[in-house]
Amino acid sequence: MSVIREIGEIMQLGYVPADFDATLEFWIKTMGAGPFYVMQGRLAETSSHRGKDSNPDLTIALGYWDDMQIEIVRQNDDTPSLYREWREADGQGLHHICVLTDDMDRARTIMTAAGAEIIFEGSAIGAAWFYADTGGGPGTMVEVSRQSQQSAALMAMIRDASRAWDGSDPIRFL
């Protein structure tokens, strides 16, 4: 029997908070994560939500807390998406975890066998991802990601910056 844990290593905790700025400040000042790198706009090259094209306008902050990546997401428009659904349901706390894989087909098979519903998927800079609702309630959404050389290099740059971070310049824009 395959279980979701077999897909890959957990590399990220993802939040879609009501107050993006306060959450970012919490992770920096209270938890000591950072620096955070912020990206804005329609960041996917392709994406779909529940089988329909969907490319929401997002603000995403990525930083590291030791070796765990922290992602904070704000949706800036009303495009249908899993982030918008979460906010409309007044979702709080952890939105998703992200696991890495080299085999997206195997990951889909495992998710389907576990009864998870794939609700959002996309690609950018050669990387691909999908989000699956595992049915376990808030915080049990799983993002599965296959990195490209370019996306892996970006994540490594952000992680390495955190290891040498002296607390200055905590929010940086890409």
C-alpha atoms as a PDB file:
ATOM      1  CA  MET A   1       0.000   0.000   0.000  1.00  0.00           C
ATOM      2  CA  SER A   2       1.367   3.398  -0.959  1.00  0.00           C
ATOM      3  CA  VAL A   3       0.898   6.365   1.337  1.00  0.00           C
ATOM      4  CA  ILE A   4       1.444  10.066   0.727  1.00  0.00           C
ATOM      5  CA  ARG A   5       4.608  10.036   2.857  1.00  0.00           C
ATOM      6  CA  GLU A   6       6.283   7.936   0.146  1.00  0.00           C
ATOM      7  CA  ILE A   7       6.048  10.730  -2.443  1.00  0.00           C
ATOM      8  CA  GLY A   8       9.000  12.722  -1.164  1.00  0.00           C
ATOM      9  CA  GLU A   9      10.597  14.942   1.434  1.00  0.00           C
ATOM     10  CA  ILE A  10       8.577  17.683   3.129  1.00  0.00           C
ATOM     11  CA  MET A  11      10.324  20.940   2.256  1.00  0.00           C
ATOM     12  CA  GLN A  12       7.749  23.660   2.910  1.00  0.00           C
ATOM     13  CA  LEU A  13       5.004  24.894   5.214  1.00  0.00           C
ATOM     14  CA  GLY A  14       2.572  27.153   3.339  1.00  0.00           C
ATOM     15  CA  TYR A  15       0.284  29.809   4.813  1.00  0.00           C
ATOM     16  CA  VAL A  16      -2.494  31.844   3.182  1.00  0.00           C
ATOM     17  CA  PRO A  17      -3.326  34.235   6.037  1.00  0.00           C
ATOM     18  CA  ALA A  18      -5.939  36.951   6.431  1.00  0.00           C
ATOM     19  CA  ASP A  19      -3.127  39.402   7.221  1.00  0.00           C
ATOM     20  CA  PHE A  20      -0.131  38.768   4.973  1.00  0.00           C
ATOM     21  CA  ASP A  21       2.028  41.542   6.464  1.00  0.00           C
ATOM     22  CA  ALA A  22       1.400  40.499  10.086  1.00  0.00           C
ATOM     23  CA  THR A  23       2.179  36.874   9.258  1.00  0.00           C
ATOM     24  CA  LEU A  24       5.390  37.847   7.505  1.00  0.00           C
ATOM     25  CA  GLU A  25       6.373  40.004  10.482  1.00  0.00           C
ATOM     26  CA  PHE A  26       5.607  37.114  12.890  1.00  0.00           C
ATOM     27  CA  TRP A  27       7.851  34.694  11.005  1.00  0.00           C
ATOM     28  CA  ILE A  28      10.666  37.251  10.868  1.00  0.00           C
ATOM     29  CA  LYS A  29      10.497  38.801  14.355  1.00  0.00           C
ATOM     30  CA  THR A  30       9.127  35.978  16.503  1.00  0.00           C
ATOM     31  CA  MET A  31      10.282  32.832  14.747  1.00  0.00           C
ATOM     32  CA  GLY A  32      13.538  34.217  13.325  1.00  0.00           C
ATOM     33  CA  ALA A  33      12.937  32.995   9.790  1.00  0.00           C
ATOM     34  CA  GLY A  34      14.314  34.901   6.861  1.00  0.00           C
ATOM     35  CA  PRO A  35      15.220  36.775   4.922  1.00  0.00           C
ATOM     36  CA  PHE A  36      12.041  36.488   2.846  1.00  0.00           C
ATOM     37  CA  TYR A  37      12.088  36.937  -0.909  1.00  0.00           C
ATOM     38  CA  VAL A  38       8.882  38.346  -2.387  1.00  0.00           C
ATOM     39  CA  MET A  39       7.525  37.660  -5.873  1.00  0.00           C
ATOM     40  CA  GLN A  40       4.410  39.322  -7.258  1.00  0.00           C
ATOM     41  CA  GLY A  41       2.107  38.904 -10.241  1.00  0.00           C
ATOM     42  CA  ARG A  42       0.729  36.078 -12.327  1.00  0.00           C
ATOM     43  CA  LEU A  43       3.585  33.757 -11.540  1.00  0.00           C
ATOM     44  CA  ALA A  44       2.557  30.548 -13.316  1.00  0.00           C
ATOM     45  CA  GLU A  45       3.142  29.913 -16.995  1.00  0.00           C
ATOM     46  CA  THR A  46       0.262  27.421 -16.968  1.00  0.00           C
ATOM     47  CA  SER A  47      -2.207  26.685 -14.196  1.00  0.00           C
ATOM     48  CA  SER A  48      -5.663  25.300 -13.637  1.00  0.00           C
ATOM     49  CA  HIS A  49      -8.048  25.157 -10.703  1.00  0.00           C
ATOM     50  CA  ARG A  50     -10.611  22.357 -10.623  1.00  0.00           C
ATOM     51  CA  GLY A  51      -9.977  21.686 -14.309  1.00  0.00           C
ATOM     52  CA  LYS A  52     -10.368  25.276 -15.546  1.00  0.00           C
ATOM     53  CA  ASP A  53      -7.637  27.746 -16.517  1.00  0.00           C
ATOM     54  CA  SER A  54      -6.754  29.874 -13.508  1.00  0.00           C
ATOM     55  CA  ASN A  55      -3.721  32.087 -13.038  1.00  0.00           C
ATOM     56  CA  PRO A  56      -4.339  34.271  -9.979  1.00  0.00           C
ATOM     57  CA  ASP A  57      -2.384  37.432  -9.248  1.00  0.00           C
ATOM     58  CA  LEU A  58      -0.314  36.510  -6.189  1.00  0.00           C
ATOM     59  CA  THR A  59       2.177  37.913  -3.745  1.00  0.00           C
ATOM     60  CA  ILE A  60       4.382  35.111  -2.432  1.00  0.00           C
ATOM     61  CA  ALA A  61       7.057  35.442   0.246  1.00  0.00           C
ATOM     62  CA  LEU A  62       9.595  32.629   0.577  1.00  0.00           C
ATOM     63  CA  GLY A  63      12.060  32.288   3.416  1.00  0.00           C
ATOM     64  CA  TYR A  64      13.696  29.586   5.475  1.00  0.00           C
ATOM     65  CA  TRP A  65      13.420  28.634   9.122  1.00  0.00           C
ATOM     66  CA  ASP A  66      16.481  26.425   9.425  1.00  0.00           C
ATOM     67  CA  ASP A  67      16.018  23.926   6.570  1.00  0.00           C
ATOM     68  CA  MET A  68      12.223  24.330   6.358  1.00  0.00           C
ATOM     69  CA  GLN A  69      10.927  26.704   3.717  1.00  0.00           C
ATOM     70  CA  ILE A  70       8.117  28.994   4.838  1.00  0.00           C
ATOM     71  CA  GLU A  71       5.762  30.276   2.132  1.00  0.00           C
ATOM     72  CA  ILE A  72       3.267  33.071   2.743  1.00  0.00           C
ATOM     73  CA  VAL A  73       0.712  33.681  -0.012  1.00  0.00           C
ATOM     74  CA  ARG A  74      -1.690  36.532  -0.684  1.00  0.00           C
ATOM     75  CA  GLN A  75      -4.048  36.489  -3.634  1.00  0.00           C
ATOM     76  CA  ASN A  76      -4.531  39.982  -5.089  1.00  0.00           C
ATOM     77  CA  ASP A  77      -7.542  39.367  -7.337  1.00  0.00           C
ATOM     78  CA  ASP A  78     -10.773  37.357  -7.489  1.00  0.00           C
ATOM     79  CA  THR A  79      -9.601  34.623  -9.894  1.00  0.00           C
ATOM     80  CA  PRO A  80     -10.949  31.214  -8.768  1.00  0.00           C
ATOM     81  CA  SER A  81      -8.181  29.378  -6.891  1.00  0.00           C
ATOM     82  CA  LEU A  82      -7.488  27.196  -3.883  1.00  0.00           C
ATOM     83  CA  TYR A  83      -6.121  30.273  -2.105  1.00  0.00           C
ATOM     84  CA  ARG A  84      -9.329  32.227  -2.679  1.00  0.00           C
ATOM     85  CA  GLU A  85     -11.418  29.244  -1.508  1.00  0.00           C
ATOM     86  CA  TRP A  86      -9.352  29.110   1.699  1.00  0.00           C
ATOM     87  CA  ARG A  87      -9.764  32.816   2.427  1.00  0.00           C
ATOM     88  CA  GLU A  88     -13.514  32.747   1.643  1.00  0.00           C
ATOM     89  CA  ALA A  89     -13.888  29.854   4.104  1.00  0.00           C
ATOM     90  CA  ASP A  90     -11.992  31.974   6.689  1.00  0.00           C
ATOM     91  CA  GLY A  91      -9.163  29.439   6.677  1.00  0.00           C
ATOM     92  CA  GLN A  92      -6.552  30.054   9.353  1.00  0.00           C
ATOM     93  CA  GLY A  93      -3.189  28.518  10.150  1.00  0.00           C
ATOM     94  CA  LEU A  94      -1.331  26.075   7.975  1.00  0.00           C
ATOM     95  CA  HIS A  95      -2.735  25.898   4.432  1.00  0.00           C
ATOM     96  CA  HIS A  96      -0.479  23.237   2.903  1.00  0.00           C
ATOM     97  CA  ILE A  97       2.740  21.316   3.091  1.00  0.00           C
ATOM     98  CA  CYS A  98       4.912  20.844   0.028  1.00  0.00           C
ATOM     99  CA  VAL A  99       6.783  17.672  -0.821  1.00  0.00           C
ATOM    100  CA  LEU A 100       9.367  17.259  -3.548  1.00  0.00           C
ATOM    101  CA  THR A 101       9.323  14.497  -6.121  1.00  0.00           C
ATOM    102  CA  ASP A 102      11.074  13.541  -9.318  1.00  0.00           C
ATOM    103  CA  ASP A 103       8.110  11.440 -10.472  1.00  0.00           C
ATOM    104  CA  MET A 104       4.873  13.394 -10.855  1.00  0.00           C
ATOM    105  CA  ASP A 105       3.005  10.433 -12.365  1.00  0.00           C
ATOM    106  CA  ARG A 106       3.831   8.223  -9.367  1.00  0.00           C
ATOM    107  CA  ALA A 107       2.844  11.062  -7.015  1.00  0.00           C
ATOM    108  CA  ARG A 108      -0.541  11.394  -8.756  1.00  0.00           C
ATOM    109  CA  THR A 109      -1.083   7.644  -8.506  1.00  0.00           C
ATOM    110  CA  ILE A 110      -0.316   7.686  -4.768  1.00  0.00           C
ATOM    111  CA  MET A 111      -2.592  10.691  -4.197  1.00  0.00           C
ATOM    112  CA  THR A 112      -5.442   9.103  -6.117  1.00  0.00           C
ATOM    113  CA  ALA A 113      -5.021   5.798  -4.264  1.00  0.00           C
ATOM    114  CA  ALA A 114      -5.148   7.724  -0.974  1.00  0.00           C
ATOM    115  CA  GLY A 115      -8.457   9.318  -2.020  1.00  0.00           C
ATOM    116  CA  ALA A 116      -7.008  12.803  -2.445  1.00  0.00           C
ATOM    117  CA  GLU A 117      -8.524  15.190  -4.993  1.00  0.00           C
ATOM    118  CA  ILE A 118      -6.130  17.154  -7.201  1.00  0.00           C
ATOM    119  CA  ILE A 119      -7.592  20.670  -7.328  1.00  0.00           C
ATOM    120  CA  PHE A 120      -4.842  22.982  -8.606  1.00  0.00           C
ATOM    121  CA  GLU A 121      -1.848  22.430 -10.853  1.00  0.00           C
ATOM    122  CA  GLY A 122       0.609  24.436 -12.837  1.00  0.00           C
ATOM    123  CA  SER A 123       4.097  25.073 -14.090  1.00  0.00           C
ATOM    124  CA  ALA A 124       6.696  27.845 -14.233  1.00  0.00           C
ATOM    125  CA  ILE A 125      10.421  28.078 -15.075  1.00  0.00           C
ATOM    126  CA  GLY A 126      10.452  24.366 -15.901  1.00  0.00           C
ATOM    127  CA  ALA A 127       9.046  23.310 -12.520  1.00  0.00           C
ATOM    128  CA  ALA A 128       5.650  21.639 -12.134  1.00  0.00           C
ATOM    129  CA  TRP A 129       3.308  21.279  -9.178  1.00  0.00           C
ATOM    130  CA  PHE A 130      -0.104  20.176  -8.089  1.00  0.00           C
ATOM    131  CA  TYR A 131      -2.097  20.612  -4.912  1.00  0.00           C
ATOM    132  CA  ALA A 132      -4.218  17.791  -3.559  1.00  0.00           C
ATOM    133  CA  ASP A 133      -6.951  17.976  -0.945  1.00  0.00           C
ATOM    134  CA  THR A 134      -6.350  14.914   1.215  1.00  0.00           C
ATOM    135  CA  GLY A 135      -9.705  15.263   2.973  1.00  0.00           C
ATOM    136  CA  GLY A 136      -8.054  15.564   6.368  1.00  0.00           C
ATOM    137  CA  GLY A 137      -9.272  19.092   7.100  1.00  0.00           C
ATOM    138  CA  PRO A 138      -7.399  22.377   7.441  1.00  0.00           C
ATOM    139  CA  GLY A 139      -3.643  22.132   7.042  1.00  0.00           C
ATOM    140  CA  THR A 140      -3.676  18.771   5.259  1.00  0.00           C
ATOM    141  CA  MET A 141      -3.557  20.071   1.700  1.00  0.00           C
ATOM    142  CA  VAL A 142      -0.429  18.694   0.009  1.00  0.00           C
ATOM    143  CA  GLU A 143       1.482  20.449  -2.735  1.00  0.00           C
ATOM    144  CA  VAL A 144       3.668  18.139  -4.785  1.00  0.00           C
ATOM    145  CA  SER A 145       6.483  19.841  -6.676  1.00  0.00           C
ATOM    146  CA  ARG A 146       9.025  18.715  -9.237  1.00  0.00           C
ATOM    147  CA  GLN A 147      11.761  21.307  -9.371  1.00  0.00           C
ATOM    148  CA  SER A 148      13.653  22.374 -12.455  1.00  0.00           C
ATOM    149  CA  GLN A 149      17.320  23.371 -12.392  1.00  0.00           C
ATOM    150  CA  GLN A 150      16.243  27.014 -12.353  1.00  0.00           C
ATOM    151  CA  SER A 151      13.696  26.660  -9.529  1.00  0.00           C
ATOM    152  CA  ALA A 152      16.066  24.478  -7.480  1.00  0.00           C
ATOM    153  CA  ALA A 153      18.787  27.120  -7.859  1.00  0.00           C
ATOM    154  CA  LEU A 154      16.376  29.841  -6.704  1.00  0.00           C
ATOM    155  CA  MET A 155      15.374  27.804  -3.626  1.00  0.00           C
ATOM    156  CA  ALA A 156      19.030  27.080  -2.847  1.00  0.00           C
ATOM    157  CA  MET A 157      19.865  30.793  -3.093  1.00  0.00           C
ATOM    158  CA  ILE A 158      17.048  31.649  -0.647  1.00  0.00           C
ATOM    159  CA  ARG A 159      18.082  28.840   1.762  1.00  0.00           C
ATOM    160  CA  ASP A 160      21.752  29.866   1.605  1.00  0.00           C
ATOM    161  CA  ALA A 161      20.822  33.497   2.301  1.00  0.00           C
ATOM    162  CA  SER A 162      19.042  32.361   5.464  1.00  0.00           C
ATOM    163  CA  ARG A 163      22.111  30.506   6.704  1.00  0.00           C
ATOM    164  CA  ALA A 164      24.250  33.660   6.488  1.00  0.00           C
ATOM    165  CA  TRP A 165      21.474  36.076   7.504  1.00  0.00           C
ATOM    166  CA  ASP A 166      22.329  38.618  10.199  1.00  0.00           C
ATOM    167  CA  GLY A 167      18.764  39.931  10.570  1.00  0.00           C
ATOM    168  CA  SER A 168      19.229  42.902   8.253  1.00  0.00           C
ATOM    169  CA  ASP A 169      17.130  43.546   5.150  1.00  0.00           C
ATOM    170  CA  PRO A 170      14.486  40.935   6.124  1.00  0.00           C
ATOM    171  CA  ILE A 171      12.208  41.467   3.089  1.00  0.00           C
ATOM    172  CA  ARG A 172      13.740  41.403  -0.391  1.00  0.00           C
ATOM    173  CA  PHE A 173      11.977  41.625  -3.747  1.00  0.00           C
ATOM    174  CA  LEU A 174      12.715  39.389  -6.724  1.00  0.00           C
END
